[in-house]
Protein backbone atom coordinates (compact mmCIF):
# COMPACT_ATOMS: atom_id res chain seq x y z
CA MET A 1 94.89 245.59 20.67
CA HIS A 2 98.03 244.24 19.01
CA PHE A 3 101.44 245.44 20.06
CA LYS A 4 104.73 244.63 18.21
CA LYS A 5 107.64 243.37 20.33
CA ASP A 6 109.55 246.64 20.01
CA GLU A 7 106.53 248.61 21.22
CA MET A 8 106.15 246.22 24.14
CA VAL A 9 109.74 246.63 25.20
CA LYS A 10 109.63 250.39 24.90
CA TYR A 11 106.33 250.72 26.85
CA GLY A 12 107.48 248.15 29.40
CA THR A 13 110.70 249.94 30.01
CA VAL A 14 109.01 253.21 30.52
CA LEU A 15 106.47 251.73 32.87
CA ALA A 16 109.02 249.87 34.90
CA LEU A 17 111.08 253.14 35.31
CA VAL A 18 108.03 255.08 36.36
CA ILE A 19 107.00 252.47 38.91
CA ALA A 20 110.59 252.15 40.23
CA ILE A 21 110.89 255.94 40.72
CA THR A 22 107.41 256.46 42.27
CA ILE A 23 106.89 253.39 44.44
CA PRO A 24 108.69 254.70 47.55
CA PHE A 25 106.11 257.44 47.73
CA ALA A 26 103.25 254.91 47.65
CA THR A 27 104.42 253.41 51.05
CA ASP A 28 106.07 254.50 54.29
CA SER A 29 106.98 250.98 55.24
CA MET A 30 110.66 250.66 55.86
CA PHE A 31 110.35 246.80 55.38
CA ILE A 32 109.00 247.30 51.86
CA LEU A 33 111.80 249.86 51.08
CA ASN A 34 114.44 247.53 52.37
CA LEU A 35 112.97 244.73 50.32
CA LEU A 36 113.02 246.88 47.19
CA VAL A 37 116.67 247.75 47.72
CA LEU A 38 117.56 244.00 48.06
CA MET A 39 115.49 243.24 44.97
CA LEU A 40 117.44 245.76 42.99
CA ILE A 41 120.62 244.38 44.13
CA PHE A 42 119.70 240.81 43.01
CA ILE A 43 118.63 242.21 39.67
CA ILE A 44 122.28 243.23 39.13
CA PHE A 45 123.40 239.82 40.41
CA ALA A 46 121.05 238.01 38.16
CA SER A 47 121.90 240.23 35.21
CA ALA A 48 125.63 239.48 35.92
CA TRP A 49 125.02 235.73 35.68
CA ASN A 50 122.97 236.15 32.65
CA LEU A 51 125.73 238.08 30.91
CA LEU A 52 127.89 235.05 31.37
CA ALA A 53 125.20 232.89 29.81
CA PHE A 54 125.14 235.21 26.78
CA SER A 55 128.58 233.92 25.92
CA GLY A 56 127.49 230.26 26.32
CA GLN A 57 128.98 229.78 29.73
CA GLY A 58 127.30 228.55 32.95
CA SER A 59 128.27 229.12 36.55
CA LEU A 60 127.00 227.40 39.77
CA GLY A 61 129.39 229.30 42.00
CA HIS A 62 128.78 233.05 41.27
CA ALA A 63 128.36 233.57 45.03
CA ALA A 64 132.15 233.47 45.08
CA PHE A 65 132.35 236.73 43.18
CA PHE A 66 129.43 238.16 45.03
CA GLY A 67 131.30 237.57 48.26
CA ILE A 68 134.73 238.56 47.08
CA GLY A 69 133.39 241.94 45.92
CA ALA A 70 131.65 242.45 49.39
CA TYR A 71 134.85 241.47 51.44
CA ALA A 72 137.08 243.51 49.23
CA SER A 73 134.96 246.63 49.41
CA THR A 74 134.49 246.28 53.16
CA LEU A 75 138.21 245.78 53.82
CA ILE A 76 139.21 248.63 51.55
CA ALA A 77 136.69 250.95 53.18
CA ALA A 78 137.88 249.94 56.69
CA ASN A 79 141.51 250.49 55.96
CA SER A 80 141.40 253.60 53.73
CA GLY A 81 138.38 255.45 55.10
CA MET A 82 137.01 255.88 51.53
CA SER A 83 133.27 256.15 50.99
CA PRO A 84 131.49 252.79 50.24
CA PHE A 85 130.26 254.43 47.05
CA ILE A 86 133.84 254.31 45.80
CA THR A 87 134.99 251.07 47.42
CA ILE A 88 132.04 249.22 45.87
CA PHE A 89 133.57 249.54 42.49
CA LEU A 90 137.13 248.81 43.71
CA GLY A 91 135.90 245.66 45.48
CA ALA A 92 134.23 244.64 42.21
CA ALA A 93 137.43 245.10 40.41
CA VAL A 94 139.05 242.61 42.74
CA ALA A 95 136.18 240.20 41.99
CA ALA A 96 136.77 240.75 38.30
CA PHE A 97 140.53 240.14 38.70
CA VAL A 98 139.81 236.84 40.41
CA GLY A 99 137.38 236.01 37.77
CA ILE A 100 139.93 236.41 35.18
CA LEU A 101 142.32 234.17 37.12
CA ILE A 102 139.61 231.43 37.24
CA GLY A 103 138.71 232.11 33.64
CA LEU A 104 142.30 231.50 32.47
CA THR A 105 142.28 228.03 33.88
CA CYS A 106 138.79 226.89 32.73
CA VAL A 107 137.16 228.95 30.04
CA ARG A 108 138.11 226.25 27.54
CA LEU A 109 135.74 223.84 29.51
CA LYS A 110 132.24 223.14 28.32
CA GLU A 111 129.35 224.88 29.96
CA TRP A 112 128.49 222.47 32.86
CA PHE A 113 132.05 221.45 33.56
CA LEU A 114 132.78 225.16 33.95
CA ALA A 115 129.77 225.45 36.17
CA MET A 116 131.02 222.68 38.48
CA VAL A 117 134.52 224.34 38.68
CA THR A 118 132.83 227.62 39.86
CA PHE A 119 130.72 225.73 42.29
CA GLY A 120 133.83 224.20 43.79
CA PHE A 121 135.65 227.49 43.80
CA ALA A 122 132.85 229.08 45.84
CA ILE A 123 133.34 226.43 48.41
CA ILE A 124 137.11 226.88 48.51
CA VAL A 125 136.70 230.61 48.99
CA GLN A 126 134.31 230.29 51.81
CA THR A 127 136.65 227.73 53.47
CA LEU A 128 139.65 230.05 53.16
CA THR A 129 137.59 232.94 54.54
CA VAL A 130 136.77 231.09 57.74
CA SER A 131 140.29 229.53 58.21
CA VAL A 132 143.37 231.09 56.70
CA LEU A 133 141.89 234.46 56.23
CA ALA A 134 140.04 234.48 59.63
CA PRO A 135 142.27 237.08 61.22
CA ILE A 136 141.17 239.73 58.76
CA THR A 137 137.68 238.35 57.76
CA GLY A 138 136.45 237.47 61.32
CA GLY A 139 135.84 233.88 60.48
CA TRP A 140 132.30 232.73 60.86
CA ASP A 141 131.65 235.61 63.28
CA GLY A 142 132.14 238.03 60.36
CA ILE A 143 132.84 241.71 60.50
CA ALA A 144 131.10 244.99 60.55
CA SER A 145 130.84 246.81 57.25
CA SER A 146 130.40 250.49 56.80
CA ARG A 147 126.82 251.61 55.69
CA LEU A 148 126.20 253.20 52.33
CA LEU A 149 124.81 256.14 54.24
CA SER A 150 124.87 257.02 57.84
CA PRO A 151 121.52 256.46 59.66
CA SER A 152 121.89 259.90 61.16
CA ILE A 153 121.18 261.48 57.69
CA PRO A 154 117.45 262.38 57.52
CA GLY A 155 115.72 260.20 55.01
CA TYR A 156 118.86 258.07 54.44
CA GLN A 157 116.64 254.94 53.48
CA LEU A 158 115.15 256.83 50.58
CA ILE A 159 118.36 258.37 49.33
CA GLU A 160 120.01 254.83 49.62
CA TYR A 161 117.16 253.42 47.54
CA TYR A 162 117.57 255.83 44.62
CA ALA A 163 121.36 255.48 44.81
CA VAL A 164 121.03 251.66 44.35
CA LEU A 165 118.23 252.06 41.71
CA LEU A 166 120.69 254.42 39.71
CA ILE A 167 123.52 251.78 40.04
CA THR A 168 121.01 249.08 38.85
CA ILE A 169 119.83 251.01 35.84
CA ALA A 170 123.45 251.90 34.92
CA SER A 171 124.38 248.14 35.21
CA VAL A 172 121.45 246.98 33.01
CA ALA A 173 122.13 249.82 30.51
CA ALA A 174 125.81 248.75 30.42
CA ILE A 175 124.92 245.10 29.60
CA TRP A 176 122.40 246.43 26.89
CA TYR A 177 125.20 248.57 25.34
CA ILE A 178 127.76 245.61 25.41
CA MET A 179 125.30 243.29 23.74
CA LYS A 180 124.71 245.91 20.88
CA THR A 181 128.50 246.15 20.18
CA ARG A 182 130.77 243.79 18.34
CA ILE A 183 131.65 242.26 21.76
CA GLY A 184 128.04 241.25 22.39
CA LEU A 185 127.67 239.89 18.84
CA ALA A 186 130.83 237.83 19.40
CA PHE A 187 129.29 236.47 22.65
CA LEU A 188 126.19 235.40 20.83
CA ALA A 189 128.17 233.78 17.90
CA ILE A 190 130.19 231.70 20.30
CA ARG A 191 127.04 230.61 22.18
CA GLU A 192 125.29 229.60 19.08
CA ASN A 193 128.10 227.83 17.20
CA GLU A 194 131.69 228.01 18.38
CA LEU A 195 133.18 226.49 15.21
CA GLU A 196 131.48 229.03 12.94
CA ALA A 197 132.63 231.77 15.27
CA ARG A 198 136.20 230.57 14.97
CA ALA A 199 135.82 230.55 11.04
CA ALA A 200 134.62 234.09 11.28
CA GLY A 201 137.86 235.14 13.07
CA ILE A 202 136.42 235.26 16.56
CA ASP A 203 138.59 233.96 19.35
CA PRO A 204 136.23 232.09 21.78
CA VAL A 205 138.80 231.92 24.67
CA ARG A 206 139.40 235.68 24.58
CA TYR A 207 135.77 236.67 24.50
CA ARG A 208 134.72 234.07 27.11
CA LEU A 209 137.32 235.39 29.38
CA LEU A 210 136.09 238.92 28.86
CA ALA A 211 132.52 237.84 29.64
CA PHE A 212 133.75 236.08 32.73
CA ALA A 213 135.49 239.27 33.94
CA LEU A 214 132.47 241.50 33.22
CA SER A 215 130.05 239.09 34.99
CA ALA A 216 132.35 238.80 37.99
CA TYR A 217 132.65 242.44 38.16
CA LEU A 218 128.87 243.09 38.21
CA ALA A 219 128.47 240.19 40.76
CA GLY A 220 131.01 242.02 42.95
CA VAL A 221 129.14 245.24 42.66
CA ALA A 222 125.98 243.49 43.79
CA GLY A 223 127.70 241.75 46.73
CA ALA A 224 129.29 244.96 47.90
CA LEU A 225 126.07 246.89 47.68
CA GLN A 226 124.18 244.25 49.65
CA ILE A 227 126.72 244.16 52.51
CA HIS A 228 127.16 248.07 52.72
CA HIS A 229 123.38 248.18 52.78
CA ILE A 230 123.04 245.58 55.65
CA GLY A 231 126.06 246.76 57.56
CA TYR A 232 127.56 243.40 58.49
CA LEU A 233 129.42 240.78 56.58
CA THR A 234 129.59 236.94 57.23
CA PRO A 235 130.87 233.99 55.10
CA GLU A 236 127.28 232.84 54.64
CA LEU A 237 127.47 235.28 51.71
CA TYR A 238 129.27 232.38 49.81
CA GLY A 239 126.35 229.98 50.54
CA VAL A 240 124.90 227.68 47.91
CA ASP A 241 121.62 229.61 47.91
CA ASN A 242 123.34 232.84 46.73
CA SER A 243 124.75 230.82 43.73
CA PHE A 244 121.45 229.24 42.81
CA TRP A 245 119.14 232.31 43.28
CA PRO A 246 120.47 234.22 40.21
CA VAL A 247 120.10 231.06 38.13
CA THR A 248 116.49 230.64 39.32
CA TYR A 249 115.65 234.33 38.61
CA VAL A 250 117.07 234.18 35.01
CA ILE A 251 115.47 230.88 34.01
CA LEU A 252 112.08 231.96 35.43
CA GLY A 253 112.39 235.43 33.70
CA GLY A 254 113.93 234.42 30.43
CA LEU A 255 117.33 233.02 29.89
CA GLY A 256 119.54 235.08 27.40
CA THR A 257 117.23 238.09 27.44
CA LEU A 258 117.95 241.56 28.96
CA ALA A 259 114.61 241.71 30.68
CA GLY A 260 114.69 238.17 31.87
CA PRO A 261 116.72 238.69 35.15
CA ILE A 262 114.54 241.76 35.93
CA VAL A 263 111.24 240.16 35.48
CA GLY A 264 112.38 236.91 37.13
CA THR A 265 113.72 238.64 40.21
CA ILE A 266 110.66 240.90 40.65
CA ALA A 267 108.27 237.98 40.16
CA LEU A 268 109.97 235.50 42.39
CA THR A 269 110.63 238.01 45.11
CA ILE A 270 106.91 238.96 45.28
CA ILE A 271 105.97 235.23 45.30
CA TRP A 272 108.50 234.38 47.90
CA GLU A 273 107.62 237.14 50.29
CA GLY A 274 103.93 236.45 49.72
CA LEU A 275 104.44 232.75 50.70
CA LYS A 276 106.59 233.92 53.71
CA SER A 277 103.72 235.99 54.97
CA THR A 278 101.52 232.97 55.04
CA GLY A 279 103.91 231.32 57.55
CA LEU A 280 105.26 228.65 55.13
CA THR A 281 108.84 227.62 55.68
CA PHE A 282 110.21 224.58 53.70
CA GLY A 283 106.89 224.55 51.76
CA ARG A 284 107.98 227.86 49.97
CA TYR A 285 110.87 225.90 48.32
CA VAL A 286 108.51 223.08 47.15
CA ILE A 287 106.05 225.70 45.63
CA VAL A 288 108.80 227.71 43.98
CA GLY A 289 110.42 224.45 42.58
CA VAL A 290 107.11 223.34 41.11
CA MET A 291 106.58 226.83 39.51
CA LEU A 292 110.08 226.63 38.05
CA ILE A 293 109.43 223.26 36.52
CA LEU A 294 106.10 224.40 35.08
CA ALA A 295 107.71 227.54 33.72
CA ILE A 296 110.39 225.48 31.94
CA ILE A 297 107.84 223.15 30.53
CA PHE A 298 105.10 225.68 29.41
CA LEU A 299 107.18 228.93 29.15
CA PRO A 300 110.65 227.74 28.04
CA ARG A 301 111.59 231.26 27.08
CA GLY A 302 110.55 232.62 30.44
CA LEU A 303 107.95 235.03 31.73
CA VAL A 304 109.22 237.63 29.24
CA SER A 305 107.61 235.60 26.35
CA LEU A 306 104.21 235.48 28.22
CA PRO A 307 102.78 238.65 26.31
CA GLU A 308 103.69 237.07 23.07
CA GLN A 309 102.25 233.72 24.15
CA VAL A 310 98.99 235.46 25.08
CA GLN A 311 98.83 237.39 21.81
CA GLY A 312 99.38 234.12 19.93
CA TRP A 313 96.71 232.39 21.80
CA LEU A 314 94.25 235.14 21.22
CA LYS A 315 95.03 235.18 17.46
CA ARG A 316 94.50 231.44 17.29
CA ARG A 317 91.22 231.80 19.11
CA LYS A 318 90.11 234.58 16.82
CA ARG A 319 90.84 232.50 13.72
CA LYS A 320 88.69 229.60 15.18
CA GLU A 321 85.69 231.72 15.94
CA PRO A 322 82.98 231.52 13.26
CA PRO A 323 82.14 234.89 11.50
CA SER A 324 79.29 236.82 13.26
CA GLY A 325 75.82 236.19 11.94
CA THR A 326 76.48 232.48 10.94
CA GLY A 327 74.64 229.79 12.52
């Protein structure tokens, strides 16, 4: 059976939503439910990084905005008494503001020069958190963060899962909407050819700065969600691994596609946890690294292109088969 790309996207979206809504009823394991919440959070984070890539920019330090959103939300909640469901978005606004400041200084840089600047910025932010800002951040010891929902609420884990799922759907839908507007078209034009974009009246600096702010905002939402879900915050949030995971998810799933971060995060989370259950430690990194290399070589457009690749392979095979009845 042959499906057109639009049909596959439609059916795939419906299937993903049905699975996401019903999967908590298929298990009573709190470990799996917690893993699903963290996976949804990293879908937001990976999508945030991918949004930046839509405009032709790269970041190797997105953990900075992930952490800033978490710290800002935690401190606002602690000092104001507001619900984390409100402070999450306020903390993300702080991350976006810092993103604009960073963007003002370096959006004119080429992709990987910008990536190195953001990498250095993440290290600087972590250093400031454990030194100058230690009196309010707790330094390396960290600080407690208010939970999304009180554990005293019956079924709070399930309610929390659906709350995070709703925020994830809203985040992905917002990115989809942005990419359908003139803003999204400007992002793509700048990524494909900056000179032609300028000739068409598009200001690359302005739109790159906007992409940086939007990406930092969503990264801040993800960071705040994770910390309010866990209930404790440490500077390890700024770690290099938190900067590289979204890059890995997006490249594996499909760079520059809406579904790429979702598919990549789900696939790699399942693989990672599966390898973890076998007792592997450092071997997991080797296996994931080899998988990523193979994906780049054989599936350069990521896992989202796999159905098309399979259909193309079946078509080629069908053309090579001799007609029935011939000998």
